[in-house]
Amino acid sequence: MLRRALTPPWNVHDIFRHTWLVATRCMAPVAAVTFPFGMVIGLQGLQIFDLFGAQRMLPSLISVAVLRELSPMLASVLVAAQGGSAFAAELGAMRIKEELDATEVMAVDSLRWHVVPRVLALVIACPILNVLGTVAGLLGGFVMAVAIQGEPAGVFIANLWAFTVPFDLVAGVIKTVVFGLLIGLVACYHGFNVTGGAAGVGKGVNDTVVHAVLLFFGANYLLTSAMFAL
């Protein structure tokens, strides 16, 4: 995969086409999930900070939680469920219909033309959707704290970035690039190696979501430890 991704020819059209499809499929689900999660963090955090009279710390908690963990993880889960499963199903259908075999008979590199564009598309789409998830999560926290709980909007905005640094944004991008790569590799592996007809395609799609989520949850711990805890 790495050799084919770094050497020409590149199937640029399919890379951008798949990126666009994944991004448009996942935009609404990512926003719909991260927005209420931001509201939940705002609600629970405010109840705790009320005990200590430290309500002004709430926006800092929301920004750190959303930027470092919430948005990258939720966006990647939905990318695995939407984009990864779709790619596994597409490649699986091509395998059982012998389309991949036909391209290989014609001396066409099926990995280069069918797999690499999909993996790179997920690598590109995940950080884009993470940005959307971050905005939605912060907006959800703002709505809960200011519009519903009545906290001053100026205090919320003034303290939003008190404990965040530019590296928090970079870390989110790094995480989602790695997660997108893992999702793409898992999805394309299961789809490319489907056996057993239509039932095999369904199993490949299911395995894609389960294995990809488990894999990047483990990778998240390692990345968080490397970038923040250590």
C-alpha atoms as a PDB file:
ATOM      1  CA  MET A   1       0.000   0.000   0.000  1.00  0.00           C
ATOM      2  CA  LEU A   2       2.724   2.453   0.952  1.00  0.00           C
ATOM      3  CA  ARG A   3       4.742   1.770  -2.179  1.00  0.00           C
ATOM      4  CA  ARG A   4       1.704   2.153  -4.424  1.00  0.00           C
ATOM      5  CA  ALA A   5       0.571   5.319  -2.650  1.00  0.00           C
ATOM      6  CA  LEU A   6       3.961   6.997  -3.101  1.00  0.00           C
ATOM      7  CA  THR A   7       4.702   5.996  -6.682  1.00  0.00           C
ATOM      8  CA  PRO A   8       2.870   6.992  -9.887  1.00  0.00           C
ATOM      9  CA  PRO A   9       0.471   6.627 -11.529  1.00  0.00           C
ATOM     10  CA  TRP A  10      -2.050   7.991  -9.049  1.00  0.00           C
ATOM     11  CA  ASN A  11      -5.796   7.670  -9.404  1.00  0.00           C
ATOM     12  CA  VAL A  12      -6.417  11.236  -8.266  1.00  0.00           C
ATOM     13  CA  HIS A  13      -9.975  11.425  -9.555  1.00  0.00           C
ATOM     14  CA  ASP A  14     -11.117   8.455  -7.489  1.00  0.00           C
ATOM     15  CA  ILE A  15      -9.293   9.708  -4.393  1.00  0.00           C
ATOM     16  CA  PHE A  16     -11.239  12.966  -4.406  1.00  0.00           C
ATOM     17  CA  ARG A  17     -14.475  11.274  -5.439  1.00  0.00           C
ATOM     18  CA  HIS A  18     -14.314   8.846  -2.523  1.00  0.00           C
ATOM     19  CA  THR A  19     -13.281  11.628  -0.139  1.00  0.00           C
ATOM     20  CA  TRP A  20     -16.292  13.686  -1.180  1.00  0.00           C
ATOM     21  CA  LEU A  21     -18.648  10.737  -0.773  1.00  0.00           C
ATOM     22  CA  VAL A  22     -17.362   9.879   2.713  1.00  0.00           C
ATOM     23  CA  ALA A  23     -17.422  13.502   3.859  1.00  0.00           C
ATOM     24  CA  THR A  24     -20.958  14.156   2.626  1.00  0.00           C
ATOM     25  CA  ARG A  25     -22.251  10.875   4.065  1.00  0.00           C
ATOM     26  CA  CYS A  26     -20.746  11.492   7.499  1.00  0.00           C
ATOM     27  CA  MET A  27     -21.198  15.250   7.966  1.00  0.00           C
ATOM     28  CA  ALA A  28     -24.733  15.102   9.346  1.00  0.00           C
ATOM     29  CA  PRO A  29     -24.139  12.076  11.622  1.00  0.00           C
ATOM     30  CA  VAL A  30     -20.939  13.577  13.057  1.00  0.00           C
ATOM     31  CA  ALA A  31     -22.613  16.890  13.844  1.00  0.00           C
ATOM     32  CA  ALA A  32     -25.731  15.142  15.172  1.00  0.00           C
ATOM     33  CA  VAL A  33     -23.659  13.053  17.605  1.00  0.00           C
ATOM     34  CA  THR A  34     -20.988  15.499  18.795  1.00  0.00           C
ATOM     35  CA  PHE A  35     -23.429  18.369  19.410  1.00  0.00           C
ATOM     36  CA  PRO A  36     -25.461  16.551  22.122  1.00  0.00           C
ATOM     37  CA  PHE A  37     -22.275  15.080  23.588  1.00  0.00           C
ATOM     38  CA  GLY A  38     -20.989  18.621  24.032  1.00  0.00           C
ATOM     39  CA  MET A  39     -24.267  19.473  25.751  1.00  0.00           C
ATOM     40  CA  VAL A  40     -23.901  16.485  28.079  1.00  0.00           C
ATOM     41  CA  ILE A  41     -20.364  17.506  29.055  1.00  0.00           C
ATOM     42  CA  GLY A  42     -21.632  21.018  29.722  1.00  0.00           C
ATOM     43  CA  LEU A  43     -24.503  19.771  31.876  1.00  0.00           C
ATOM     44  CA  GLN A  44     -22.489  17.286  33.939  1.00  0.00           C
ATOM     45  CA  GLY A  45     -19.474  19.557  34.261  1.00  0.00           C
ATOM     46  CA  LEU A  46     -21.558  22.485  35.450  1.00  0.00           C
ATOM     47  CA  GLN A  47     -23.126  20.398  38.214  1.00  0.00           C
ATOM     48  CA  ILE A  48     -19.661  19.465  39.497  1.00  0.00           C
ATOM     49  CA  PHE A  49     -18.174  22.956  39.204  1.00  0.00           C
ATOM     50  CA  ASP A  50     -21.196  24.420  41.019  1.00  0.00           C
ATOM     51  CA  LEU A  51     -20.080  22.541  44.127  1.00  0.00           C
ATOM     52  CA  PHE A  52     -16.814  24.500  44.174  1.00  0.00           C
ATOM     53  CA  GLY A  53     -18.048  27.814  42.764  1.00  0.00           C
ATOM     54  CA  ALA A  54     -15.807  27.348  39.718  1.00  0.00           C
ATOM     55  CA  GLN A  55     -18.370  27.642  36.929  1.00  0.00           C
ATOM     56  CA  ARG A  56     -15.931  29.683  34.854  1.00  0.00           C
ATOM     57  CA  MET A  57     -13.816  26.538  34.407  1.00  0.00           C
ATOM     58  CA  LEU A  58     -16.591  24.768  32.481  1.00  0.00           C
ATOM     59  CA  PRO A  59     -15.671  26.049  28.986  1.00  0.00           C
ATOM     60  CA  SER A  60     -12.070  24.951  29.526  1.00  0.00           C
ATOM     61  CA  LEU A  61     -13.246  21.437  30.365  1.00  0.00           C
ATOM     62  CA  ILE A  62     -15.458  21.342  27.277  1.00  0.00           C
ATOM     63  CA  SER A  63     -12.715  22.546  24.934  1.00  0.00           C
ATOM     64  CA  VAL A  64     -10.117  20.087  26.260  1.00  0.00           C
ATOM     65  CA  ALA A  65     -12.527  17.137  26.198  1.00  0.00           C
ATOM     66  CA  VAL A  66     -13.855  17.904  22.725  1.00  0.00           C
ATOM     67  CA  LEU A  67     -10.534  18.718  21.087  1.00  0.00           C
ATOM     68  CA  ARG A  68      -8.463  15.912  22.565  1.00  0.00           C
ATOM     69  CA  GLU A  69     -10.858  12.969  22.773  1.00  0.00           C
ATOM     70  CA  LEU A  70     -14.533  13.451  22.025  1.00  0.00           C
ATOM     71  CA  SER A  71     -14.469  14.762  18.476  1.00  0.00           C
ATOM     72  CA  PRO A  72     -11.635  12.564  17.095  1.00  0.00           C
ATOM     73  CA  MET A  73     -13.149   9.382  18.530  1.00  0.00           C
ATOM     74  CA  LEU A  74     -16.792  10.009  17.625  1.00  0.00           C
ATOM     75  CA  ALA A  75     -15.937  11.246  14.130  1.00  0.00           C
ATOM     76  CA  SER A  76     -13.807   8.163  13.514  1.00  0.00           C
ATOM     77  CA  VAL A  77     -16.469   5.777  14.814  1.00  0.00           C
ATOM     78  CA  LEU A  78     -18.975   7.238  12.376  1.00  0.00           C
ATOM     79  CA  VAL A  79     -16.458   7.162   9.531  1.00  0.00           C
ATOM     80  CA  ALA A  80     -15.895   3.466  10.248  1.00  0.00           C
ATOM     81  CA  ALA A  81     -19.642   2.839  10.368  1.00  0.00           C
ATOM     82  CA  GLN A  82     -20.430   4.824   7.217  1.00  0.00           C
ATOM     83  CA  GLY A  83     -17.355   5.089   5.021  1.00  0.00           C
ATOM     84  CA  GLY A  84     -15.431   1.989   6.066  1.00  0.00           C
ATOM     85  CA  SER A  85     -18.433  -0.303   5.836  1.00  0.00           C
ATOM     86  CA  ALA A  86     -19.365   1.137   2.441  1.00  0.00           C
ATOM     87  CA  PHE A  87     -15.875   0.551   1.058  1.00  0.00           C
ATOM     88  CA  ALA A  88     -15.798  -2.988   2.419  1.00  0.00           C
ATOM     89  CA  ALA A  89     -19.163  -3.680   0.792  1.00  0.00           C
ATOM     90  CA  GLU A  90     -18.076  -2.201  -2.543  1.00  0.00           C
ATOM     91  CA  LEU A  91     -14.859  -4.187  -2.701  1.00  0.00           C
ATOM     92  CA  GLY A  92     -16.613  -7.317  -1.454  1.00  0.00           C
ATOM     93  CA  ALA A  93     -19.232  -7.028  -4.187  1.00  0.00           C
ATOM     94  CA  MET A  94     -16.488  -6.537  -6.757  1.00  0.00           C
ATOM     95  CA  ARG A  95     -14.737  -9.631  -5.444  1.00  0.00           C
ATOM     96  CA  ILE A  96     -17.750 -11.964  -5.553  1.00  0.00           C
ATOM     97  CA  LYS A  97     -18.717 -10.644  -9.011  1.00  0.00           C
ATOM     98  CA  GLU A  98     -15.141 -11.354 -10.123  1.00  0.00           C
ATOM     99  CA  GLU A  99     -14.557  -7.741 -11.162  1.00  0.00           C
ATOM    100  CA  LEU A 100     -11.285  -7.623  -9.231  1.00  0.00           C
ATOM    101  CA  ASP A 101     -10.193 -10.862 -10.878  1.00  0.00           C
ATOM    102  CA  ALA A 102     -11.035  -9.380 -14.275  1.00  0.00           C
ATOM    103  CA  THR A 103      -8.879  -6.312 -13.680  1.00  0.00           C
ATOM    104  CA  GLU A 104      -5.968  -8.496 -12.600  1.00  0.00           C
ATOM    105  CA  VAL A 105      -6.368 -10.663 -15.732  1.00  0.00           C
ATOM    106  CA  MET A 106      -6.073  -7.456 -17.792  1.00  0.00           C
ATOM    107  CA  ALA A 107      -2.782  -6.697 -15.988  1.00  0.00           C
ATOM    108  CA  VAL A 108      -4.368  -3.818 -14.056  1.00  0.00           C
ATOM    109  CA  ASP A 109      -3.086  -3.418 -10.496  1.00  0.00           C
ATOM    110  CA  SER A 110      -6.312  -3.760  -8.503  1.00  0.00           C
ATOM    111  CA  LEU A 111      -4.661  -2.600  -5.292  1.00  0.00           C
ATOM    112  CA  ARG A 112      -3.445   0.604  -6.918  1.00  0.00           C
ATOM    113  CA  TRP A 113      -6.725   1.436  -8.668  1.00  0.00           C
ATOM    114  CA  HIS A 114      -9.349   0.141  -6.240  1.00  0.00           C
ATOM    115  CA  VAL A 115      -7.800   0.042  -2.774  1.00  0.00           C
ATOM    116  CA  VAL A 116      -5.308   2.912  -2.536  1.00  0.00           C
ATOM    117  CA  PRO A 117      -7.866   5.638  -3.471  1.00  0.00           C
ATOM    118  CA  ARG A 118     -10.265   4.407  -0.791  1.00  0.00           C
ATOM    119  CA  VAL A 119      -7.610   4.279   1.935  1.00  0.00           C
ATOM    120  CA  LEU A 120      -6.321   7.747   1.072  1.00  0.00           C
ATOM    121  CA  ALA A 121      -9.882   9.063   0.953  1.00  0.00           C
ATOM    122  CA  LEU A 122     -10.462   7.988   4.542  1.00  0.00           C
ATOM    123  CA  VAL A 123      -7.116   9.479   5.596  1.00  0.00           C
ATOM    124  CA  ILE A 124      -8.237  12.827   4.140  1.00  0.00           C
ATOM    125  CA  ALA A 125     -11.893  12.701   5.220  1.00  0.00           C
ATOM    126  CA  CYS A 126     -11.330  11.862   8.910  1.00  0.00           C
ATOM    127  CA  PRO A 127      -9.513  15.133   9.821  1.00  0.00           C
ATOM    128  CA  ILE A 128     -12.082  17.170   7.890  1.00  0.00           C
ATOM    129  CA  LEU A 129     -14.940  15.548   9.794  1.00  0.00           C
ATOM    130  CA  ASN A 130     -13.021  15.985  13.044  1.00  0.00           C
ATOM    131  CA  VAL A 131     -13.045  19.752  12.488  1.00  0.00           C
ATOM    132  CA  LEU A 132     -16.807  19.644  11.976  1.00  0.00           C
ATOM    133  CA  GLY A 133     -17.226  17.510  15.094  1.00  0.00           C
ATOM    134  CA  THR A 134     -15.103  19.919  17.134  1.00  0.00           C
ATOM    135  CA  VAL A 135     -17.216  22.904  16.109  1.00  0.00           C
ATOM    136  CA  ALA A 136     -20.455  21.015  16.815  1.00  0.00           C
ATOM    137  CA  GLY A 137     -19.229  19.787  20.216  1.00  0.00           C
ATOM    138  CA  LEU A 138     -18.138  23.254  21.349  1.00  0.00           C
ATOM    139  CA  LEU A 139     -21.404  24.712  20.097  1.00  0.00           C
ATOM    140  CA  GLY A 140     -23.347  22.091  22.043  1.00  0.00           C
ATOM    141  CA  GLY A 141     -21.486  22.987  25.225  1.00  0.00           C
ATOM    142  CA  PHE A 142     -22.137  26.689  24.604  1.00  0.00           C
ATOM    143  CA  VAL A 143     -25.864  26.114  24.083  1.00  0.00           C
ATOM    144  CA  MET A 144     -26.152  24.077  27.284  1.00  0.00           C
ATOM    145  CA  ALA A 145     -24.112  26.449  29.445  1.00  0.00           C
ATOM    146  CA  VAL A 146     -25.323  29.800  28.110  1.00  0.00           C
ATOM    147  CA  ALA A 147     -28.719  29.313  26.499  1.00  0.00           C
ATOM    148  CA  ILE A 148     -30.100  26.677  28.892  1.00  0.00           C
ATOM    149  CA  GLN A 149     -28.210  27.084  32.187  1.00  0.00           C
ATOM    150  CA  GLY A 150     -27.892  30.869  31.965  1.00  0.00           C
ATOM    151  CA  GLU A 151     -24.123  31.222  32.293  1.00  0.00           C
ATOM    152  CA  PRO A 152     -22.708  34.534  30.969  1.00  0.00           C
ATOM    153  CA  ALA A 153     -21.715  34.205  27.310  1.00  0.00           C
ATOM    154  CA  GLY A 154     -18.714  36.521  27.740  1.00  0.00           C
ATOM    155  CA  VAL A 155     -17.294  34.449  30.594  1.00  0.00           C
ATOM    156  CA  PHE A 156     -17.779  31.260  28.589  1.00  0.00           C
ATOM    157  CA  ILE A 157     -15.958  32.587  25.540  1.00  0.00           C
ATOM    158  CA  ALA A 158     -13.200  34.225  27.590  1.00  0.00           C
ATOM    159  CA  ASN A 159     -12.357  30.939  29.344  1.00  0.00           C
ATOM    160  CA  LEU A 160     -12.888  28.604  26.403  1.00  0.00           C
ATOM    161  CA  TRP A 161      -9.192  28.370  25.498  1.00  0.00           C
ATOM    162  CA  ALA A 162      -7.707  28.782  28.988  1.00  0.00           C
ATOM    163  CA  PHE A 163      -6.243  25.257  29.132  1.00  0.00           C
ATOM    164  CA  THR A 164      -5.883  24.477  25.440  1.00  0.00           C
ATOM    165  CA  VAL A 165      -2.833  25.061  23.309  1.00  0.00           C
ATOM    166  CA  PRO A 166      -2.313  24.944  19.532  1.00  0.00           C
ATOM    167  CA  PHE A 167      -0.916  21.428  19.855  1.00  0.00           C
ATOM    168  CA  ASP A 168      -4.379  20.230  20.931  1.00  0.00           C
ATOM    169  CA  LEU A 169      -5.596  21.032  17.424  1.00  0.00           C
ATOM    170  CA  VAL A 170      -2.553  19.373  15.864  1.00  0.00           C
ATOM    171  CA  ALA A 171      -3.036  16.299  18.050  1.00  0.00           C
ATOM    172  CA  GLY A 172      -6.612  15.934  16.835  1.00  0.00           C
ATOM    173  CA  VAL A 173      -5.433  16.026  13.231  1.00  0.00           C
ATOM    174  CA  ILE A 174      -2.671  13.482  13.919  1.00  0.00           C
ATOM    175  CA  LYS A 175      -5.109  11.160  15.649  1.00  0.00           C
ATOM    176  CA  THR A 176      -7.709  11.290  12.897  1.00  0.00           C
ATOM    177  CA  VAL A 177      -5.116  10.760  10.170  1.00  0.00           C
ATOM    178  CA  VAL A 178      -3.968   7.597  11.963  1.00  0.00           C
ATOM    179  CA  PHE A 179      -7.565   6.516  12.605  1.00  0.00           C
ATOM    180  CA  GLY A 180      -8.496   7.098   8.959  1.00  0.00           C
ATOM    181  CA  LEU A 181      -5.529   5.019   7.841  1.00  0.00           C
ATOM    182  CA  LEU A 182      -6.487   2.174  10.182  1.00  0.00           C
ATOM    183  CA  ILE A 183     -10.128   2.260   9.082  1.00  0.00           C
ATOM    184  CA  GLY A 184      -9.132   2.279   5.429  1.00  0.00           C
ATOM    185  CA  LEU A 185      -6.704  -0.616   5.769  1.00  0.00           C
ATOM    186  CA  VAL A 186      -9.148  -2.739   7.771  1.00  0.00           C
ATOM    187  CA  ALA A 187     -12.100  -1.981   5.489  1.00  0.00           C
ATOM    188  CA  CYS A 188     -10.210  -2.638   2.268  1.00  0.00           C
ATOM    189  CA  TYR A 189      -8.595  -5.782   3.650  1.00  0.00           C
ATOM    190  CA  HIS A 190     -11.936  -7.309   4.614  1.00  0.00           C
ATOM    191  CA  GLY A 191     -13.597  -6.218   1.380  1.00  0.00           C
ATOM    192  CA  PHE A 192     -10.731  -7.286  -0.857  1.00  0.00           C
ATOM    193  CA  ASN A 193     -10.568 -10.751   0.698  1.00  0.00           C
ATOM    194  CA  VAL A 194     -14.285 -11.557   0.869  1.00  0.00           C
ATOM    195  CA  THR A 195     -15.285 -15.173   0.322  1.00  0.00           C
ATOM    196  CA  GLY A 196     -18.594 -16.990   0.524  1.00  0.00           C
ATOM    197  CA  GLY A 197     -20.835 -14.898  -1.700  1.00  0.00           C
ATOM    198  CA  ALA A 198     -23.336 -12.352  -0.385  1.00  0.00           C
ATOM    199  CA  ALA A 199     -23.112 -13.716   3.168  1.00  0.00           C
ATOM    200  CA  GLY A 200     -19.358 -13.169   3.029  1.00  0.00           C
ATOM    201  CA  VAL A 201     -19.882  -9.533   2.051  1.00  0.00           C
ATOM    202  CA  GLY A 202     -22.129  -9.007   5.071  1.00  0.00           C
ATOM    203  CA  LYS A 203     -19.595 -10.637   7.349  1.00  0.00           C
ATOM    204  CA  GLY A 204     -16.820  -8.512   5.883  1.00  0.00           C
ATOM    205  CA  VAL A 205     -18.803  -5.317   6.506  1.00  0.00           C
ATOM    206  CA  ASN A 206     -19.558  -6.323  10.094  1.00  0.00           C
ATOM    207  CA  ASP A 207     -15.945  -7.310  10.755  1.00  0.00           C
ATOM    208  CA  THR A 208     -14.767  -4.014   9.297  1.00  0.00           C
ATOM    209  CA  VAL A 209     -16.706  -1.904  11.781  1.00  0.00           C
ATOM    210  CA  VAL A 210     -15.887  -4.062  14.809  1.00  0.00           C
ATOM    211  CA  HIS A 211     -12.191  -4.516  14.081  1.00  0.00           C
ATOM    212  CA  ALA A 212     -11.609  -0.914  12.982  1.00  0.00           C
ATOM    213  CA  VAL A 213     -13.250   0.534  16.097  1.00  0.00           C
ATOM    214  CA  LEU A 214     -11.348  -1.796  18.414  1.00  0.00           C
ATOM    215  CA  LEU A 215      -8.095  -1.059  16.622  1.00  0.00           C
ATOM    216  CA  PHE A 216      -8.265   2.711  16.711  1.00  0.00           C
ATOM    217  CA  PHE A 217      -9.542   2.746  20.299  1.00  0.00           C
ATOM    218  CA  GLY A 218      -6.329   0.962  21.216  1.00  0.00           C
ATOM    219  CA  ALA A 219      -4.327   3.321  19.021  1.00  0.00           C
ATOM    220  CA  ASN A 220      -6.022   6.269  20.720  1.00  0.00           C
ATOM    221  CA  TYR A 221      -4.648   5.204  24.097  1.00  0.00           C
ATOM    222  CA  LEU A 222      -1.127   4.944  22.692  1.00  0.00           C
ATOM    223  CA  LEU A 223      -1.358   8.287  20.881  1.00  0.00           C
ATOM    224  CA  THR A 224      -2.843  10.077  23.892  1.00  0.00           C
ATOM    225  CA  SER A 225      -0.129   8.663  26.124  1.00  0.00           C
ATOM    226  CA  ALA A 226       2.587   9.690  23.696  1.00  0.00           C
ATOM    227  CA  MET A 227       1.271  13.198  23.059  1.00  0.00           C
ATOM    228  CA  PHE A 228      -0.170  14.258  26.414  1.00  0.00           C
ATOM    229  CA  ALA A 229       0.417  11.908  29.364  1.00  0.00           C
ATOM    230  CA  LEU A 230       4.166  11.547  28.854  1.00  0.00           C
END
